[in-house]
N, C-alpha and C. Protein backbone atom coordinates (compact mmCIF):
# COMPACT_ATOMS: atom_id res chain seq x y z
N MET A 1 -74.17 -6.31 45.97
CA MET A 1 -74.60 -7.57 45.41
C MET A 1 -74.04 -7.70 44.00
N ALA A 2 -73.33 -8.79 43.74
CA ALA A 2 -72.75 -9.03 42.42
C ALA A 2 -73.77 -9.77 41.56
N ARG A 3 -74.18 -9.13 40.47
CA ARG A 3 -75.12 -9.75 39.54
C ARG A 3 -74.44 -9.87 38.20
N ILE A 4 -74.18 -11.11 37.81
CA ILE A 4 -73.48 -11.38 36.56
C ILE A 4 -74.31 -12.35 35.74
N ALA A 5 -74.53 -12.04 34.47
CA ALA A 5 -75.28 -12.88 33.54
C ALA A 5 -76.68 -13.19 34.06
N GLY A 6 -77.27 -12.23 34.77
CA GLY A 6 -78.63 -12.40 35.27
C GLY A 6 -78.74 -13.27 36.51
N VAL A 7 -77.62 -13.57 37.16
CA VAL A 7 -77.63 -14.42 38.35
C VAL A 7 -77.00 -13.65 39.51
N ASP A 8 -77.68 -13.66 40.66
CA ASP A 8 -77.11 -13.07 41.87
C ASP A 8 -76.13 -14.06 42.47
N LEU A 9 -74.87 -13.67 42.56
CA LEU A 9 -73.87 -14.55 43.14
C LEU A 9 -73.96 -14.48 44.67
N PRO A 10 -73.78 -15.61 45.35
CA PRO A 10 -73.83 -15.60 46.82
C PRO A 10 -72.66 -14.80 47.38
N LEU A 11 -72.95 -13.89 48.29
CA LEU A 11 -71.94 -12.94 48.77
C LEU A 11 -70.88 -13.58 49.65
N ASN A 12 -71.21 -14.62 50.40
CA ASN A 12 -70.25 -15.16 51.36
C ASN A 12 -69.37 -16.27 50.77
N LYS A 13 -69.49 -16.54 49.46
CA LYS A 13 -68.67 -17.58 48.83
C LYS A 13 -67.46 -16.94 48.17
N LYS A 14 -66.43 -17.75 47.93
CA LYS A 14 -65.28 -17.29 47.17
C LYS A 14 -65.71 -17.12 45.72
N ILE A 15 -65.04 -16.21 45.00
CA ILE A 15 -65.45 -15.87 43.64
C ILE A 15 -65.40 -17.09 42.72
N ARG A 16 -64.41 -17.96 42.93
CA ARG A 16 -64.29 -19.13 42.07
C ARG A 16 -65.48 -20.08 42.23
N ILE A 17 -66.00 -20.19 43.44
CA ILE A 17 -67.16 -21.03 43.70
C ILE A 17 -68.44 -20.29 43.30
N GLY A 18 -68.49 -19.00 43.55
CA GLY A 18 -69.67 -18.21 43.22
C GLY A 18 -69.97 -18.19 41.73
N LEU A 19 -68.92 -18.19 40.90
CA LEU A 19 -69.13 -18.18 39.44
C LEU A 19 -69.79 -19.46 38.95
N THR A 20 -69.63 -20.56 39.68
CA THR A 20 -70.23 -21.82 39.25
C THR A 20 -71.75 -21.83 39.42
N TYR A 21 -72.32 -20.82 40.07
CA TYR A 21 -73.77 -20.70 40.17
C TYR A 21 -74.39 -20.27 38.85
N ILE A 22 -73.55 -19.81 37.93
CA ILE A 22 -74.01 -19.42 36.59
C ILE A 22 -74.04 -20.67 35.73
N TYR A 23 -75.16 -20.94 35.07
CA TYR A 23 -75.32 -22.11 34.22
C TYR A 23 -74.34 -22.01 33.06
N GLY A 24 -73.50 -23.03 32.92
CA GLY A 24 -72.52 -23.04 31.84
C GLY A 24 -71.11 -22.74 32.30
N ILE A 25 -70.93 -22.43 33.58
CA ILE A 25 -69.59 -22.18 34.13
C ILE A 25 -69.33 -23.20 35.22
N GLY A 26 -68.28 -24.00 35.02
CA GLY A 26 -67.88 -24.99 36.00
C GLY A 26 -66.64 -24.52 36.75
N HIS A 27 -66.01 -25.44 37.46
CA HIS A 27 -64.85 -25.08 38.28
C HIS A 27 -63.67 -24.63 37.43
N SER A 28 -63.37 -25.36 36.36
CA SER A 28 -62.19 -25.02 35.56
C SER A 28 -62.39 -23.69 34.82
N ARG A 29 -63.58 -23.47 34.28
CA ARG A 29 -63.84 -22.22 33.57
C ARG A 29 -63.84 -21.04 34.54
N ALA A 30 -64.34 -21.25 35.76
CA ALA A 30 -64.34 -20.19 36.77
C ALA A 30 -62.91 -19.82 37.15
N ALA A 31 -62.04 -20.82 37.25
CA ALA A 31 -60.63 -20.55 37.57
C ALA A 31 -59.96 -19.75 36.46
N LYS A 32 -60.26 -20.09 35.21
CA LYS A 32 -59.68 -19.36 34.08
C LYS A 32 -60.18 -17.92 34.03
N ILE A 33 -61.46 -17.72 34.36
CA ILE A 33 -62.02 -16.36 34.38
C ILE A 33 -61.34 -15.52 35.45
N CYS A 34 -61.14 -16.11 36.64
CA CYS A 34 -60.46 -15.38 37.72
C CYS A 34 -59.03 -15.03 37.34
N GLU A 35 -58.35 -15.97 36.69
CA GLU A 35 -56.97 -15.73 36.28
C GLU A 35 -56.90 -14.63 35.23
N GLU A 36 -57.82 -14.66 34.27
CA GLU A 36 -57.81 -13.68 33.20
C GLU A 36 -58.20 -12.29 33.70
N ALA A 37 -59.09 -12.23 34.68
CA ALA A 37 -59.51 -10.95 35.25
C ALA A 37 -58.54 -10.46 36.31
N GLN A 38 -57.51 -11.23 36.59
CA GLN A 38 -56.48 -10.91 37.58
C GLN A 38 -57.10 -10.69 38.96
N ILE A 39 -57.95 -11.65 39.36
CA ILE A 39 -58.58 -11.64 40.68
C ILE A 39 -58.10 -12.86 41.44
N GLU A 40 -57.74 -12.66 42.69
CA GLU A 40 -57.36 -13.77 43.55
C GLU A 40 -58.58 -14.68 43.71
N SER A 41 -58.42 -15.98 43.45
CA SER A 41 -59.56 -16.89 43.47
C SER A 41 -60.13 -17.09 44.87
N SER A 42 -59.38 -16.72 45.90
CA SER A 42 -59.88 -16.87 47.27
C SER A 42 -60.63 -15.63 47.75
N THR A 43 -60.76 -14.61 46.90
CA THR A 43 -61.50 -13.40 47.26
C THR A 43 -62.99 -13.70 47.35
N LYS A 44 -63.62 -13.18 48.38
CA LYS A 44 -65.06 -13.38 48.54
C LYS A 44 -65.81 -12.46 47.57
N VAL A 45 -67.01 -12.87 47.19
CA VAL A 45 -67.80 -12.10 46.24
C VAL A 45 -68.13 -10.72 46.80
N LYS A 46 -68.40 -10.65 48.11
CA LYS A 46 -68.76 -9.36 48.70
C LYS A 46 -67.59 -8.38 48.74
N ASP A 47 -66.35 -8.89 48.61
CA ASP A 47 -65.17 -8.03 48.64
C ASP A 47 -64.73 -7.56 47.25
N LEU A 48 -65.45 -7.95 46.20
CA LEU A 48 -65.09 -7.53 44.84
C LEU A 48 -65.38 -6.04 44.66
N THR A 49 -64.47 -5.37 43.97
CA THR A 49 -64.73 -3.97 43.63
C THR A 49 -65.60 -3.92 42.38
N GLU A 50 -66.13 -2.76 42.09
CA GLU A 50 -66.98 -2.59 40.90
C GLU A 50 -66.18 -2.85 39.63
N ASP A 51 -64.93 -2.43 39.63
CA ASP A 51 -64.06 -2.63 38.46
C ASP A 51 -63.83 -4.12 38.20
N GLU A 52 -63.58 -4.89 39.27
CA GLU A 52 -63.37 -6.33 39.11
C GLU A 52 -64.64 -7.02 38.61
N THR A 53 -65.80 -6.60 39.11
CA THR A 53 -67.07 -7.17 38.67
C THR A 53 -67.29 -6.92 37.18
N VAL A 54 -66.96 -5.72 36.73
CA VAL A 54 -67.12 -5.37 35.32
C VAL A 54 -66.18 -6.21 34.45
N ARG A 55 -64.94 -6.41 34.92
CA ARG A 55 -63.99 -7.24 34.16
C ARG A 55 -64.50 -8.68 34.01
N VAL A 56 -65.01 -9.25 35.10
CA VAL A 56 -65.54 -10.61 35.06
C VAL A 56 -66.73 -10.68 34.12
N ARG A 57 -67.62 -9.71 34.21
CA ARG A 57 -68.81 -9.68 33.35
C ARG A 57 -68.42 -9.60 31.87
N ASN A 58 -67.42 -8.78 31.55
CA ASN A 58 -66.97 -8.65 30.16
C ASN A 58 -66.33 -9.94 29.64
N ILE A 59 -65.56 -10.61 30.47
CA ILE A 59 -64.92 -11.87 30.06
C ILE A 59 -65.99 -12.93 29.78
N ILE A 60 -67.00 -13.01 30.64
CA ILE A 60 -68.06 -14.01 30.46
C ILE A 60 -68.84 -13.72 29.18
N GLN A 61 -69.16 -12.46 28.92
CA GLN A 61 -69.89 -12.10 27.70
C GLN A 61 -69.08 -12.39 26.45
N ARG A 62 -67.78 -12.20 26.51
CA ARG A 62 -66.92 -12.37 25.35
C ARG A 62 -66.64 -13.83 25.04
N ASP A 63 -66.49 -14.66 26.06
CA ASP A 63 -65.97 -16.01 25.87
C ASP A 63 -66.99 -17.04 25.41
N GLY A 64 -68.25 -16.86 25.63
CA GLY A 64 -69.18 -17.89 25.18
C GLY A 64 -70.55 -17.76 25.79
N MET A 65 -71.37 -18.76 25.49
CA MET A 65 -72.76 -18.73 25.93
C MET A 65 -72.89 -19.20 27.38
N VAL A 66 -73.76 -18.54 28.11
CA VAL A 66 -74.12 -18.96 29.47
C VAL A 66 -75.61 -18.71 29.66
N GLU A 67 -76.16 -19.29 30.69
CA GLU A 67 -77.56 -19.11 31.10
C GLU A 67 -78.55 -19.32 29.97
N GLY A 68 -79.39 -18.36 29.66
CA GLY A 68 -80.51 -18.52 28.74
C GLY A 68 -80.10 -18.91 27.33
N ASP A 69 -79.03 -18.29 26.81
CA ASP A 69 -78.57 -18.60 25.45
C ASP A 69 -78.11 -20.05 25.36
N LEU A 70 -77.39 -20.51 26.36
CA LEU A 70 -76.89 -21.88 26.36
C LEU A 70 -78.04 -22.88 26.49
N ARG A 71 -78.99 -22.60 27.38
CA ARG A 71 -80.15 -23.49 27.53
C ARG A 71 -80.94 -23.58 26.23
N LYS A 72 -81.10 -22.45 25.56
CA LYS A 72 -81.84 -22.42 24.29
C LYS A 72 -81.11 -23.21 23.22
N ALA A 73 -79.79 -23.06 23.15
CA ALA A 73 -79.00 -23.78 22.14
C ALA A 73 -79.07 -25.29 22.37
N ILE A 74 -79.00 -25.71 23.63
CA ILE A 74 -79.06 -27.14 23.94
C ILE A 74 -80.43 -27.71 23.58
N SER A 75 -81.50 -26.98 23.93
CA SER A 75 -82.84 -27.48 23.60
C SER A 75 -83.06 -27.53 22.09
N MET A 76 -82.50 -26.58 21.35
CA MET A 76 -82.62 -26.59 19.89
C MET A 76 -81.85 -27.77 19.29
N ASP A 77 -80.69 -28.11 19.87
CA ASP A 77 -79.92 -29.26 19.40
C ASP A 77 -80.70 -30.56 19.61
N ILE A 78 -81.33 -30.69 20.76
CA ILE A 78 -82.12 -31.89 21.06
C ILE A 78 -83.33 -31.96 20.13
N LYS A 79 -83.98 -30.82 19.91
CA LYS A 79 -85.14 -30.77 19.01
C LYS A 79 -84.72 -31.17 17.59
N ARG A 80 -83.55 -30.72 17.14
CA ARG A 80 -83.05 -31.07 15.81
C ARG A 80 -82.81 -32.57 15.70
N LEU A 81 -82.23 -33.18 16.74
CA LEU A 81 -82.00 -34.63 16.73
C LEU A 81 -83.31 -35.39 16.63
N MET A 82 -84.34 -34.91 17.32
CA MET A 82 -85.63 -35.59 17.28
C MET A 82 -86.28 -35.43 15.90
N GLU A 83 -86.14 -34.27 15.28
CA GLU A 83 -86.76 -34.03 13.98
C GLU A 83 -86.14 -34.87 12.87
N ILE A 84 -84.81 -35.03 12.91
CA ILE A 84 -84.17 -35.79 11.84
C ILE A 84 -84.30 -37.30 12.05
N GLY A 85 -84.79 -37.69 13.21
CA GLY A 85 -85.04 -39.10 13.48
C GLY A 85 -83.81 -39.93 13.78
N SER A 86 -82.78 -39.30 14.32
CA SER A 86 -81.57 -40.04 14.67
C SER A 86 -81.83 -40.93 15.89
N TYR A 87 -80.93 -41.86 16.15
CA TYR A 87 -81.08 -42.77 17.29
C TYR A 87 -81.14 -41.97 18.59
N ARG A 88 -80.25 -41.00 18.73
CA ARG A 88 -80.26 -40.18 19.94
C ARG A 88 -81.57 -39.41 20.08
N GLY A 89 -82.11 -38.94 18.95
CA GLY A 89 -83.38 -38.23 18.99
C GLY A 89 -84.52 -39.13 19.43
N LEU A 90 -84.52 -40.38 18.97
CA LEU A 90 -85.55 -41.33 19.39
C LEU A 90 -85.46 -41.61 20.88
N ARG A 91 -84.23 -41.74 21.40
CA ARG A 91 -84.05 -41.98 22.84
C ARG A 91 -84.57 -40.78 23.64
N HIS A 92 -84.31 -39.58 23.16
CA HIS A 92 -84.83 -38.39 23.83
C HIS A 92 -86.35 -38.41 23.81
N ARG A 93 -86.94 -38.73 22.67
CA ARG A 93 -88.40 -38.72 22.52
C ARG A 93 -89.05 -39.74 23.45
N ARG A 94 -88.43 -40.91 23.62
CA ARG A 94 -88.99 -41.95 24.47
C ARG A 94 -88.66 -41.78 25.96
N GLY A 95 -87.78 -40.83 26.27
CA GLY A 95 -87.42 -40.60 27.67
C GLY A 95 -86.49 -41.65 28.23
N LEU A 96 -85.64 -42.22 27.38
CA LEU A 96 -84.68 -43.24 27.79
C LEU A 96 -83.27 -42.67 27.80
N PRO A 97 -82.31 -43.36 28.42
CA PRO A 97 -80.94 -42.86 28.41
C PRO A 97 -80.40 -42.75 26.99
N VAL A 98 -79.64 -41.70 26.73
CA VAL A 98 -79.20 -41.38 25.38
C VAL A 98 -77.80 -41.90 25.10
N ARG A 99 -76.97 -42.04 26.10
CA ARG A 99 -75.56 -42.29 25.88
C ARG A 99 -75.13 -43.74 26.09
N GLY A 100 -76.02 -44.68 25.83
CA GLY A 100 -75.62 -46.09 25.81
C GLY A 100 -75.68 -46.80 27.14
N GLN A 101 -76.27 -46.21 28.16
CA GLN A 101 -76.34 -46.89 29.45
C GLN A 101 -77.34 -48.05 29.38
N ARG A 102 -77.17 -49.02 30.27
CA ARG A 102 -78.09 -50.15 30.31
C ARG A 102 -79.42 -49.71 30.92
N THR A 103 -80.49 -50.35 30.51
CA THR A 103 -81.81 -49.96 31.00
C THR A 103 -82.55 -51.11 31.65
N HIS A 104 -81.97 -52.31 31.64
CA HIS A 104 -82.68 -53.45 32.21
C HIS A 104 -82.94 -53.26 33.70
N THR A 105 -81.91 -52.83 34.45
CA THR A 105 -82.09 -52.68 35.89
C THR A 105 -81.91 -51.24 36.36
N ASN A 106 -81.32 -50.40 35.58
CA ASN A 106 -81.02 -49.03 36.03
C ASN A 106 -81.83 -48.01 35.25
N SER A 107 -81.40 -46.78 35.30
CA SER A 107 -81.97 -45.61 34.59
C SER A 107 -83.34 -45.22 35.13
N ARG A 108 -83.56 -45.36 36.44
CA ARG A 108 -84.84 -44.98 37.01
C ARG A 108 -85.04 -43.46 36.95
N THR A 109 -83.97 -42.70 36.97
CA THR A 109 -84.09 -41.25 36.90
C THR A 109 -84.72 -40.85 35.58
N ARG A 110 -84.28 -41.46 34.52
CA ARG A 110 -84.74 -41.12 33.18
C ARG A 110 -86.11 -41.72 32.87
N LYS A 111 -86.36 -42.95 33.34
CA LYS A 111 -87.60 -43.64 33.01
C LYS A 111 -88.75 -43.30 33.96
N GLY A 112 -88.43 -42.80 35.14
CA GLY A 112 -89.47 -42.48 36.11
C GLY A 112 -89.72 -43.66 37.04
N PRO A 113 -90.68 -43.52 37.95
CA PRO A 113 -90.96 -44.61 38.89
C PRO A 113 -91.47 -45.86 38.18
N ARG A 114 -91.24 -47.02 38.81
CA ARG A 114 -91.66 -48.28 38.23
C ARG A 114 -93.17 -48.34 38.08
N ARG A 115 -93.61 -48.91 36.96
CA ARG A 115 -95.04 -49.14 36.77
C ARG A 115 -95.33 -50.57 37.18
N ILE A 116 -96.15 -50.76 38.17
CA ILE A 116 -96.44 -52.10 38.68
C ILE A 116 -97.45 -52.76 37.75
N ILE A 117 -97.10 -53.97 37.27
CA ILE A 117 -97.93 -54.66 36.30
C ILE A 117 -99.00 -55.50 36.98
N GLY A 118 -98.59 -56.38 37.88
CA GLY A 118 -99.56 -57.22 38.57
C GLY A 118 -99.56 -56.91 40.04
N LYS A 119 -100.61 -56.26 40.53
CA LYS A 119 -100.66 -55.87 41.93
C LYS A 119 -101.47 -56.89 42.72
N LYS A 120 -100.94 -57.31 43.86
CA LYS A 120 -101.63 -58.32 44.69
C LYS A 120 -102.63 -57.66 45.60
């Protein structure tokens, strides 16, 4: 079982897809990690040797934040925006879209279910 950055990678997936199960690693970053570790991107996770797993783990630790550290940094950034009272911070505080999307008819994901005003 390949465990990298505190995440169990699915054994039957290719390594390039399996790395995307780690928070903070997408398709392009997974491809770069495979290239740097000199691993064929079509290799299944269960076929990785211990040496290859160690190389991937070292590259991920060296290159940047993933999982818990990244989640903590993002939440601290949002908290900072709310504390300084910026427009983006106010949108976060009110639970509205932050990046300029319209809210008249859309943004149900962010606003939650409709509140019915006059019920018959």
